[in-house]
Amino acid sequence: MIVKLLDCLGATDALAVVLSPIMSILGLPEWLGIVWAVTLLTNMFTGIIVFFSSLGETSLSVAQVTVLGTLMLIGHSIPVEGAVARRAGVPWRVTIVLRIGVAILLAGILHVTYTGFALLQHPARFIWRPEVVSDSLWAWALTQIESLAMVFFVILMMLLLLKTLHHLGLERLIHIGLFPLLQLLGIGRAAANVTVIGVVLGISYGAGLLIKDVDAGNMSRRESFLALCFLGLLHSIIEDTLLIMALGADLSGILWARLLMAILVIALLARLPLRYTPYA
């Protein structure tokens, strides 16, 4: 409700003005600032709708769409997902700096790489265009109710799945398979299952399960913090990645570079001296 109110008061347009120069630095048209601004404050799907409604006859290269898609994949739904992360132990300042900072950093690396080596400079081909939905308050309220109901249902099913895996002894196999990666990221066994769920399904589901375990005392603040930071950079890896692929983006940036960047950033964060970390 707060995000909707801010949007009505012009917060999205103001943020777009701030982001426009960044778009230019990243080799993107400045008008794409409104696309990332909407995505940051709302969600991926709304950002994609604004993208197509603003595109007109403009032609973008695959490299440009990939850079934009990387920004959107890492930096989106900050007010909602940031609130969820805060409930699980990640302060607001960390969510904002980590997700927006890493999004810009990775987008910059991709832009320099694609431009320097003349990669993916051919025009992007859009595989799918979303239908424009009503922007009325009633349509917005109905969408929120449907989303909350879906989140509740999916988390319930995930809890049942985790209990089933535990009773069947399959949970141990998951831990063994993920141990090298989790050890690199500083994430303990307690967070293994929910981290996988968050990476595949989304931060709302993974964080929801993390909150439950933290409240029950099954997970330390450090484990929760690192797992949530990792999910902030890499979550909903199937659905969101396919959405951006449909815009003509290349997997090299929106999947593989994003995965590598998330691993590197969290591995470095896990090795910070304890006194410099927000969970100390």
C-alpha atoms as a PDB file:
ATOM      1  CA  MET A   1       0.000   0.000   0.000  1.00  0.00           C
ATOM      2  CA  ILE A   2       2.871   2.375   0.812  1.00  0.00           C
ATOM      3  CA  VAL A   3       4.552   1.623  -2.532  1.00  0.00           C
ATOM      4  CA  LYS A   4       1.290   2.279  -4.392  1.00  0.00           C
ATOM      5  CA  LEU A   5       0.845   5.572  -2.550  1.00  0.00           C
ATOM      6  CA  LEU A   6       4.413   6.659  -3.339  1.00  0.00           C
ATOM      7  CA  ASP A   7       3.862   5.824  -7.000  1.00  0.00           C
ATOM      8  CA  CYS A   8       0.708   7.953  -7.067  1.00  0.00           C
ATOM      9  CA  LEU A   9       2.687  10.818  -5.506  1.00  0.00           C
ATOM     10  CA  GLY A  10       5.331  10.684  -8.246  1.00  0.00           C
ATOM     11  CA  ALA A  11       8.110   8.759  -6.513  1.00  0.00           C
ATOM     12  CA  THR A  12       8.633   6.514  -9.543  1.00  0.00           C
ATOM     13  CA  ASP A  13       9.124   9.444 -11.912  1.00  0.00           C
ATOM     14  CA  ALA A  14      11.539  11.106  -9.472  1.00  0.00           C
ATOM     15  CA  LEU A  15      13.583   7.916  -9.199  1.00  0.00           C
ATOM     16  CA  ALA A  16      13.642   7.611 -12.991  1.00  0.00           C
ATOM     17  CA  VAL A  17      15.242  11.052 -13.237  1.00  0.00           C
ATOM     18  CA  VAL A  18      17.978   9.953 -10.819  1.00  0.00           C
ATOM     19  CA  LEU A  19      18.595   6.709 -12.733  1.00  0.00           C
ATOM     20  CA  SER A  20      18.661   8.224 -16.249  1.00  0.00           C
ATOM     21  CA  PRO A  21      22.367   9.261 -16.125  1.00  0.00           C
ATOM     22  CA  ILE A  22      23.267   5.752 -14.921  1.00  0.00           C
ATOM     23  CA  MET A  23      21.500   4.289 -17.947  1.00  0.00           C
ATOM     24  CA  SER A  24      23.660   6.444 -20.218  1.00  0.00           C
ATOM     25  CA  ILE A  25      26.868   5.297 -18.498  1.00  0.00           C
ATOM     26  CA  LEU A  26      25.783   1.683 -19.007  1.00  0.00           C
ATOM     27  CA  GLY A  27      25.261   2.223 -22.739  1.00  0.00           C
ATOM     28  CA  LEU A  28      21.469   2.351 -22.507  1.00  0.00           C
ATOM     29  CA  PRO A  29      18.985   5.029 -23.632  1.00  0.00           C
ATOM     30  CA  GLU A  30      18.185   7.372 -20.755  1.00  0.00           C
ATOM     31  CA  TRP A  31      14.439   6.724 -21.055  1.00  0.00           C
ATOM     32  CA  LEU A  32      15.056   3.197 -19.730  1.00  0.00           C
ATOM     33  CA  GLY A  33      15.535   4.829 -16.332  1.00  0.00           C
ATOM     34  CA  ILE A  34      11.756   4.756 -15.861  1.00  0.00           C
ATOM     35  CA  VAL A  35      11.732   1.012 -16.626  1.00  0.00           C
ATOM     36  CA  TRP A  36      14.268   0.224 -13.899  1.00  0.00           C
ATOM     37  CA  ALA A  37      12.638   2.692 -11.501  1.00  0.00           C
ATOM     38  CA  VAL A  38       9.271   0.935 -11.870  1.00  0.00           C
ATOM     39  CA  THR A  39      10.947  -2.458 -11.505  1.00  0.00           C
ATOM     40  CA  LEU A  40      12.803  -1.379  -8.355  1.00  0.00           C
ATOM     41  CA  LEU A  41       9.646  -0.122  -6.687  1.00  0.00           C
ATOM     42  CA  THR A  42       7.176  -2.733  -7.920  1.00  0.00           C
ATOM     43  CA  ASN A  43       8.084  -5.964  -9.714  1.00  0.00           C
ATOM     44  CA  MET A  44       9.565  -7.515 -12.836  1.00  0.00           C
ATOM     45  CA  PHE A  45       6.292  -7.904 -14.713  1.00  0.00           C
ATOM     46  CA  THR A  46       5.278  -4.266 -14.263  1.00  0.00           C
ATOM     47  CA  GLY A  47       8.729  -3.179 -15.401  1.00  0.00           C
ATOM     48  CA  ILE A  48       8.400  -5.267 -18.551  1.00  0.00           C
ATOM     49  CA  ILE A  49       5.003  -3.719 -19.344  1.00  0.00           C
ATOM     50  CA  VAL A  50       6.484  -0.217 -18.978  1.00  0.00           C
ATOM     51  CA  PHE A  51       9.416  -1.303 -21.165  1.00  0.00           C
ATOM     52  CA  PHE A  52       7.143  -2.242 -24.054  1.00  0.00           C
ATOM     53  CA  SER A  53       4.833   0.737 -23.608  1.00  0.00           C
ATOM     54  CA  SER A  54       7.846   3.097 -23.779  1.00  0.00           C
ATOM     55  CA  LEU A  55       9.793   1.275 -26.500  1.00  0.00           C
ATOM     56  CA  GLY A  56       7.974   2.609 -29.545  1.00  0.00           C
ATOM     57  CA  GLU A  57      10.102   2.159 -32.670  1.00  0.00           C
ATOM     58  CA  THR A  58      13.395   2.142 -30.751  1.00  0.00           C
ATOM     59  CA  SER A  59      15.741  -0.715 -31.630  1.00  0.00           C
ATOM     60  CA  LEU A  60      17.920  -2.213 -28.889  1.00  0.00           C
ATOM     61  CA  SER A  61      20.782  -4.667 -29.289  1.00  0.00           C
ATOM     62  CA  VAL A  62      20.928  -8.001 -27.509  1.00  0.00           C
ATOM     63  CA  ALA A  63      23.766  -6.600 -25.407  1.00  0.00           C
ATOM     64  CA  GLN A  64      21.633  -3.637 -24.295  1.00  0.00           C
ATOM     65  CA  VAL A  65      18.652  -5.820 -23.414  1.00  0.00           C
ATOM     66  CA  THR A  66      20.976  -8.154 -21.490  1.00  0.00           C
ATOM     67  CA  VAL A  67      22.442  -5.246 -19.503  1.00  0.00           C
ATOM     68  CA  LEU A  68      18.958  -3.899 -18.747  1.00  0.00           C
ATOM     69  CA  GLY A  69      17.723  -7.388 -17.868  1.00  0.00           C
ATOM     70  CA  THR A  70      20.588  -7.850 -15.421  1.00  0.00           C
ATOM     71  CA  LEU A  71      19.665  -4.604 -13.664  1.00  0.00           C
ATOM     72  CA  MET A  72      16.054  -5.751 -13.405  1.00  0.00           C
ATOM     73  CA  LEU A  73      16.843  -9.282 -12.256  1.00  0.00           C
ATOM     74  CA  ILE A  74      19.033  -8.165  -9.359  1.00  0.00           C
ATOM     75  CA  GLY A  75      17.266  -4.901  -8.550  1.00  0.00           C
ATOM     76  CA  HIS A  76      13.502  -5.326  -8.319  1.00  0.00           C
ATOM     77  CA  SER A  77      10.683  -5.220  -5.748  1.00  0.00           C
ATOM     78  CA  ILE A  78      13.020  -3.592  -3.225  1.00  0.00           C
ATOM     79  CA  PRO A  79      10.320  -2.243  -0.852  1.00  0.00           C
ATOM     80  CA  VAL A  80       8.521  -5.582  -0.516  1.00  0.00           C
ATOM     81  CA  GLU A  81      11.482  -7.963  -0.716  1.00  0.00           C
ATOM     82  CA  GLY A  82      13.555  -5.625   1.451  1.00  0.00           C
ATOM     83  CA  ALA A  83      10.866  -5.725   4.142  1.00  0.00           C
ATOM     84  CA  VAL A  84      10.823  -9.524   4.003  1.00  0.00           C
ATOM     85  CA  ALA A  85      14.628  -9.647   4.203  1.00  0.00           C
ATOM     86  CA  ARG A  86      14.625  -7.238   7.156  1.00  0.00           C
ATOM     87  CA  ARG A  87      12.221  -9.521   9.022  1.00  0.00           C
ATOM     88  CA  ALA A  88      14.714 -12.355   8.495  1.00  0.00           C
ATOM     89  CA  GLY A  89      17.694 -10.321   9.712  1.00  0.00           C
ATOM     90  CA  VAL A  90      19.029  -8.248   6.790  1.00  0.00           C
ATOM     91  CA  PRO A  91      18.952  -4.464   7.478  1.00  0.00           C
ATOM     92  CA  TRP A  92      17.425  -2.121   4.907  1.00  0.00           C
ATOM     93  CA  ARG A  93      20.744  -0.409   4.194  1.00  0.00           C
ATOM     94  CA  VAL A  94      22.335  -3.746   3.293  1.00  0.00           C
ATOM     95  CA  THR A  95      19.514  -4.740   0.942  1.00  0.00           C
ATOM     96  CA  ILE A  96      19.548  -1.393  -0.877  1.00  0.00           C
ATOM     97  CA  VAL A  97      23.322  -1.081  -1.192  1.00  0.00           C
ATOM     98  CA  LEU A  98      23.883  -4.749  -2.019  1.00  0.00           C
ATOM     99  CA  ARG A  99      21.188  -5.207  -4.643  1.00  0.00           C
ATOM    100  CA  ILE A 100      21.374  -1.837  -6.389  1.00  0.00           C
ATOM    101  CA  GLY A 101      25.164  -1.627  -6.094  1.00  0.00           C
ATOM    102  CA  VAL A 102      25.811  -5.135  -7.412  1.00  0.00           C
ATOM    103  CA  ALA A 103      23.224  -4.646 -10.178  1.00  0.00           C
ATOM    104  CA  ILE A 104      25.017  -1.525 -11.438  1.00  0.00           C
ATOM    105  CA  LEU A 105      28.456  -3.124 -11.026  1.00  0.00           C
ATOM    106  CA  LEU A 106      27.550  -6.263 -12.976  1.00  0.00           C
ATOM    107  CA  ALA A 107      25.708  -4.269 -15.643  1.00  0.00           C
ATOM    108  CA  GLY A 108      28.795  -2.098 -16.055  1.00  0.00           C
ATOM    109  CA  ILE A 109      31.068  -5.123 -16.407  1.00  0.00           C
ATOM    110  CA  LEU A 110      28.756  -6.630 -19.018  1.00  0.00           C
ATOM    111  CA  HIS A 111      28.522  -3.356 -20.947  1.00  0.00           C
ATOM    112  CA  VAL A 112      32.318  -2.962 -21.084  1.00  0.00           C
ATOM    113  CA  THR A 113      32.774  -6.627 -22.044  1.00  0.00           C
ATOM    114  CA  TYR A 114      30.123  -6.692 -24.760  1.00  0.00           C
ATOM    115  CA  THR A 115      31.265  -3.365 -26.210  1.00  0.00           C
ATOM    116  CA  GLY A 116      34.990  -4.061 -25.969  1.00  0.00           C
ATOM    117  CA  PHE A 117      34.725  -7.424 -27.713  1.00  0.00           C
ATOM    118  CA  ALA A 118      31.862  -6.390 -30.057  1.00  0.00           C
ATOM    119  CA  LEU A 119      29.600  -9.118 -28.662  1.00  0.00           C
ATOM    120  CA  LEU A 120      25.803  -9.365 -29.002  1.00  0.00           C
ATOM    121  CA  GLN A 121      25.547  -6.141 -31.002  1.00  0.00           C
ATOM    122  CA  HIS A 122      22.795  -7.424 -33.321  1.00  0.00           C
ATOM    123  CA  PRO A 123      19.177  -6.278 -32.732  1.00  0.00           C
ATOM    124  CA  ALA A 124      17.201  -8.042 -30.013  1.00  0.00           C
ATOM    125  CA  ARG A 125      14.192 -10.082 -31.059  1.00  0.00           C
ATOM    126  CA  PHE A 126      11.231 -10.065 -28.682  1.00  0.00           C
ATOM    127  CA  ILE A 127       9.693 -13.502 -28.238  1.00  0.00           C
ATOM    128  CA  TRP A 128       6.796 -12.354 -26.056  1.00  0.00           C
ATOM    129  CA  ARG A 129       4.915  -9.177 -25.231  1.00  0.00           C
ATOM    130  CA  PRO A 130       2.746  -8.975 -22.085  1.00  0.00           C
ATOM    131  CA  GLU A 131      -0.830  -7.808 -22.211  1.00  0.00           C
ATOM    132  CA  VAL A 132      -1.373  -4.364 -20.746  1.00  0.00           C
ATOM    133  CA  VAL A 133      -3.439  -4.669 -17.563  1.00  0.00           C
ATOM    134  CA  SER A 134      -5.686  -2.108 -15.946  1.00  0.00           C
ATOM    135  CA  ASP A 135      -3.974   0.333 -13.581  1.00  0.00           C
ATOM    136  CA  SER A 136      -7.113   0.988 -11.532  1.00  0.00           C
ATOM    137  CA  LEU A 137      -7.029   0.699  -7.739  1.00  0.00           C
ATOM    138  CA  TRP A 138      -9.456  -2.212  -7.870  1.00  0.00           C
ATOM    139  CA  ALA A 139      -7.252  -4.180 -10.282  1.00  0.00           C
ATOM    140  CA  TRP A 140      -4.210  -3.401  -8.123  1.00  0.00           C
ATOM    141  CA  ALA A 141      -5.961  -4.558  -4.913  1.00  0.00           C
ATOM    142  CA  LEU A 142      -7.144  -7.772  -6.575  1.00  0.00           C
ATOM    143  CA  THR A 143      -3.597  -8.505  -7.775  1.00  0.00           C
ATOM    144  CA  GLN A 144      -2.217  -8.029  -4.237  1.00  0.00           C
ATOM    145  CA  ILE A 145      -4.787 -10.402  -2.746  1.00  0.00           C
ATOM    146  CA  GLU A 146      -4.059 -13.046  -5.376  1.00  0.00           C
ATOM    147  CA  SER A 147      -0.301 -12.716  -4.790  1.00  0.00           C
ATOM    148  CA  LEU A 148      -0.626 -13.065  -1.010  1.00  0.00           C
ATOM    149  CA  ALA A 149      -2.858 -16.116  -1.381  1.00  0.00           C
ATOM    150  CA  MET A 150      -0.349 -17.716  -3.749  1.00  0.00           C
ATOM    151  CA  VAL A 151       2.570 -16.999  -1.396  1.00  0.00           C
ATOM    152  CA  PHE A 152       0.670 -18.579   1.520  1.00  0.00           C
ATOM    153  CA  PHE A 153      -0.179 -21.685  -0.510  1.00  0.00           C
ATOM    154  CA  VAL A 154       3.335 -22.181  -1.895  1.00  0.00           C
ATOM    155  CA  ILE A 155       5.018 -21.747   1.519  1.00  0.00           C
ATOM    156  CA  LEU A 156       2.583 -24.275   3.003  1.00  0.00           C
ATOM    157  CA  MET A 157       3.475 -26.770   0.277  1.00  0.00           C
ATOM    158  CA  MET A 158       7.194 -26.106   0.772  1.00  0.00           C
ATOM    159  CA  LEU A 159       6.914 -26.810   4.501  1.00  0.00           C
ATOM    160  CA  LEU A 160       5.221 -30.116   3.748  1.00  0.00           C
ATOM    161  CA  LEU A 161       7.905 -30.928   1.165  1.00  0.00           C
ATOM    162  CA  LEU A 162      10.745 -30.170   3.594  1.00  0.00           C
ATOM    163  CA  LYS A 163       9.211 -32.377   6.269  1.00  0.00           C
ATOM    164  CA  THR A 164       8.759 -35.171   3.722  1.00  0.00           C
ATOM    165  CA  LEU A 165      12.406 -34.901   2.584  1.00  0.00           C
ATOM    166  CA  HIS A 166      13.513 -35.020   6.208  1.00  0.00           C
ATOM    167  CA  HIS A 167      11.492 -38.137   7.027  1.00  0.00           C
ATOM    168  CA  LEU A 168      12.647 -39.907   3.843  1.00  0.00           C
ATOM    169  CA  GLY A 169      16.298 -39.106   4.550  1.00  0.00           C
ATOM    170  CA  LEU A 170      16.691 -37.187   1.286  1.00  0.00           C
ATOM    171  CA  GLU A 171      17.506 -33.971   3.125  1.00  0.00           C
ATOM    172  CA  ARG A 172      20.938 -35.364   3.986  1.00  0.00           C
ATOM    173  CA  LEU A 173      21.697 -36.028   0.305  1.00  0.00           C
ATOM    174  CA  ILE A 174      20.822 -32.424  -0.563  1.00  0.00           C
ATOM    175  CA  HIS A 175      23.201 -31.196   2.131  1.00  0.00           C
ATOM    176  CA  ILE A 176      26.022 -33.412   0.860  1.00  0.00           C
ATOM    177  CA  GLY A 177      25.565 -32.244  -2.734  1.00  0.00           C
ATOM    178  CA  LEU A 178      25.488 -28.558  -1.783  1.00  0.00           C
ATOM    179  CA  PHE A 179      28.195 -28.676   0.895  1.00  0.00           C
ATOM    180  CA  PRO A 180      31.101 -27.339  -1.263  1.00  0.00           C
ATOM    181  CA  LEU A 181      29.105 -24.327  -2.492  1.00  0.00           C
ATOM    182  CA  LEU A 182      27.530 -23.584   0.886  1.00  0.00           C
ATOM    183  CA  GLN A 183      30.913 -23.821   2.595  1.00  0.00           C
ATOM    184  CA  LEU A 184      32.304 -21.284   0.115  1.00  0.00           C
ATOM    185  CA  LEU A 185      29.369 -18.956   0.851  1.00  0.00           C
ATOM    186  CA  GLY A 186      29.580 -19.401   4.613  1.00  0.00           C
ATOM    187  CA  ILE A 187      26.032 -20.820   4.738  1.00  0.00           C
ATOM    188  CA  GLY A 188      25.509 -23.731   7.125  1.00  0.00           C
ATOM    189  CA  ARG A 189      23.460 -26.870   6.636  1.00  0.00           C
ATOM    190  CA  ALA A 190      20.471 -25.373   8.426  1.00  0.00           C
ATOM    191  CA  ALA A 191      19.920 -22.947   5.555  1.00  0.00           C
ATOM    192  CA  ALA A 192      20.598 -25.377   2.695  1.00  0.00           C
ATOM    193  CA  ASN A 193      17.043 -26.376   1.834  1.00  0.00           C
ATOM    194  CA  VAL A 194      15.467 -22.950   2.127  1.00  0.00           C
ATOM    195  CA  THR A 195      18.299 -21.399   0.092  1.00  0.00           C
ATOM    196  CA  VAL A 196      17.616 -23.831  -2.743  1.00  0.00           C
ATOM    197  CA  ILE A 197      13.885 -23.071  -2.557  1.00  0.00           C
ATOM    198  CA  GLY A 198      14.544 -19.335  -2.640  1.00  0.00           C
ATOM    199  CA  VAL A 199      16.915 -19.597  -5.606  1.00  0.00           C
ATOM    200  CA  VAL A 200      14.376 -21.623  -7.592  1.00  0.00           C
ATOM    201  CA  LEU A 201      11.055 -20.062  -6.537  1.00  0.00           C
ATOM    202  CA  GLY A 202      11.831 -16.591  -5.214  1.00  0.00           C
ATOM    203  CA  ILE A 203      12.878 -14.593  -2.183  1.00  0.00           C
ATOM    204  CA  SER A 204       9.345 -14.395  -0.745  1.00  0.00           C
ATOM    205  CA  TYR A 205       9.210 -18.170  -0.376  1.00  0.00           C
ATOM    206  CA  GLY A 206      12.814 -18.689   0.729  1.00  0.00           C
ATOM    207  CA  ALA A 207      12.710 -15.796   3.191  1.00  0.00           C
ATOM    208  CA  GLY A 208       9.376 -16.967   4.559  1.00  0.00           C
ATOM    209  CA  LEU A 209      10.906 -20.306   5.471  1.00  0.00           C
ATOM    210  CA  LEU A 210      14.051 -18.641   6.832  1.00  0.00           C
ATOM    211  CA  ILE A 211      11.934 -16.457   9.124  1.00  0.00           C
ATOM    212  CA  LYS A 212      10.263 -19.572  10.511  1.00  0.00           C
ATOM    213  CA  ASP A 213      13.613 -21.262  11.225  1.00  0.00           C
ATOM    214  CA  VAL A 214      15.149 -18.132  12.769  1.00  0.00           C
ATOM    215  CA  ASP A 215      12.149 -17.662  15.068  1.00  0.00           C
ATOM    216  CA  ALA A 216      12.335 -21.326  16.064  1.00  0.00           C
ATOM    217  CA  GLY A 217      16.047 -21.039  16.861  1.00  0.00           C
ATOM    218  CA  ASN A 218      17.044 -23.534  14.161  1.00  0.00           C
ATOM    219  CA  MET A 219      19.335 -21.082  12.373  1.00  0.00           C
ATOM    220  CA  SER A 220      21.865 -18.479  13.475  1.00  0.00           C
ATOM    221  CA  ARG A 221      21.620 -14.804  12.508  1.00  0.00           C
ATOM    222  CA  ARG A 222      24.810 -15.184  10.485  1.00  0.00           C
ATOM    223  CA  GLU A 223      23.430 -18.077   8.429  1.00  0.00           C
ATOM    224  CA  SER A 224      20.161 -16.247   7.852  1.00  0.00           C
ATOM    225  CA  PHE A 225      21.975 -13.045   6.881  1.00  0.00           C
ATOM    226  CA  LEU A 226      24.250 -14.699   4.323  1.00  0.00           C
ATOM    227  CA  ALA A 227      21.465 -16.845   2.874  1.00  0.00           C
ATOM    228  CA  LEU A 228      19.187 -13.812   2.447  1.00  0.00           C
ATOM    229  CA  CYS A 229      21.967 -11.745   0.867  1.00  0.00           C
ATOM    230  CA  PHE A 230      22.625 -14.576  -1.580  1.00  0.00           C
ATOM    231  CA  LEU A 231      18.907 -14.830  -2.396  1.00  0.00           C
ATOM    232  CA  GLY A 232      18.764 -11.067  -2.883  1.00  0.00           C
ATOM    233  CA  LEU A 233      21.233 -11.413  -5.743  1.00  0.00           C
ATOM    234  CA  LEU A 234      19.995 -14.733  -7.122  1.00  0.00           C
ATOM    235  CA  HIS A 235      16.401 -15.872  -6.735  1.00  0.00           C
ATOM    236  CA  SER A 236      13.505 -17.089  -8.857  1.00  0.00           C
ATOM    237  CA  ILE A 237      16.203 -18.253 -11.239  1.00  0.00           C
ATOM    238  CA  ILE A 238      13.802 -20.067 -13.589  1.00  0.00           C
ATOM    239  CA  GLU A 239      10.761 -17.795 -13.900  1.00  0.00           C
ATOM    240  CA  ASP A 240      12.521 -14.418 -13.856  1.00  0.00           C
ATOM    241  CA  THR A 241      15.311 -15.570 -16.162  1.00  0.00           C
ATOM    242  CA  LEU A 242      12.789 -16.845 -18.715  1.00  0.00           C
ATOM    243  CA  LEU A 243      10.905 -13.526 -18.563  1.00  0.00           C
ATOM    244  CA  ILE A 244      14.043 -11.578 -19.467  1.00  0.00           C
ATOM    245  CA  MET A 245      15.060 -14.147 -22.090  1.00  0.00           C
ATOM    246  CA  ALA A 246      11.715 -13.479 -23.779  1.00  0.00           C
ATOM    247  CA  LEU A 247      12.862  -9.877 -24.271  1.00  0.00           C
ATOM    248  CA  GLY A 248      15.817 -11.130 -26.308  1.00  0.00           C
ATOM    249  CA  ALA A 249      18.497 -11.085 -23.586  1.00  0.00           C
ATOM    250  CA  ASP A 250      21.435 -13.490 -23.614  1.00  0.00           C
ATOM    251  CA  LEU A 251      22.001 -16.119 -20.909  1.00  0.00           C
ATOM    252  CA  SER A 252      25.658 -15.129 -20.577  1.00  0.00           C
ATOM    253  CA  GLY A 253      24.636 -12.062 -18.591  1.00  0.00           C
ATOM    254  CA  ILE A 254      21.241 -12.737 -17.064  1.00  0.00           C
ATOM    255  CA  LEU A 255      22.142 -16.207 -15.744  1.00  0.00           C
ATOM    256  CA  TRP A 256      25.821 -17.192 -15.793  1.00  0.00           C
ATOM    257  CA  ALA A 257      27.356 -13.807 -14.974  1.00  0.00           C
ATOM    258  CA  ARG A 258      24.666 -13.205 -12.337  1.00  0.00           C
ATOM    259  CA  LEU A 259      25.329 -16.598 -10.743  1.00  0.00           C
ATOM    260  CA  LEU A 260      29.091 -16.021 -10.671  1.00  0.00           C
ATOM    261  CA  MET A 261      28.703 -12.496  -9.277  1.00  0.00           C
ATOM    262  CA  ALA A 262      26.347 -13.688  -6.505  1.00  0.00           C
ATOM    263  CA  ILE A 263      28.800 -16.413  -5.465  1.00  0.00           C
ATOM    264  CA  LEU A 264      31.783 -14.040  -5.466  1.00  0.00           C
ATOM    265  CA  VAL A 265      30.026 -11.272  -3.530  1.00  0.00           C
ATOM    266  CA  ILE A 266      28.625 -13.541  -0.804  1.00  0.00           C
ATOM    267  CA  ALA A 267      31.896 -15.480  -0.522  1.00  0.00           C
ATOM    268  CA  LEU A 268      33.681 -12.159   0.118  1.00  0.00           C
ATOM    269  CA  LEU A 269      30.955 -11.004   2.520  1.00  0.00           C
ATOM    270  CA  ALA A 270      31.238 -14.235   4.502  1.00  0.00           C
ATOM    271  CA  ARG A 271      34.936 -13.605   5.027  1.00  0.00           C
ATOM    272  CA  LEU A 272      34.610 -10.101   6.433  1.00  0.00           C
ATOM    273  CA  PRO A 273      35.852  -9.730  10.026  1.00  0.00           C
ATOM    274  CA  LEU A 274      32.893 -10.242  12.355  1.00  0.00           C
ATOM    275  CA  ARG A 275      33.004  -6.682  13.732  1.00  0.00           C
ATOM    276  CA  TYR A 276      32.322  -5.255  10.261  1.00  0.00           C
ATOM    277  CA  THR A 277      29.182  -7.289   9.594  1.00  0.00           C
ATOM    278  CA  PRO A 278      25.588  -6.206  10.315  1.00  0.00           C
ATOM    279  CA  TYR A 279      24.830  -9.518  12.067  1.00  0.00           C
ATOM    280  CA  ALA A 280      27.675  -9.126  14.593  1.00  0.00           C
END
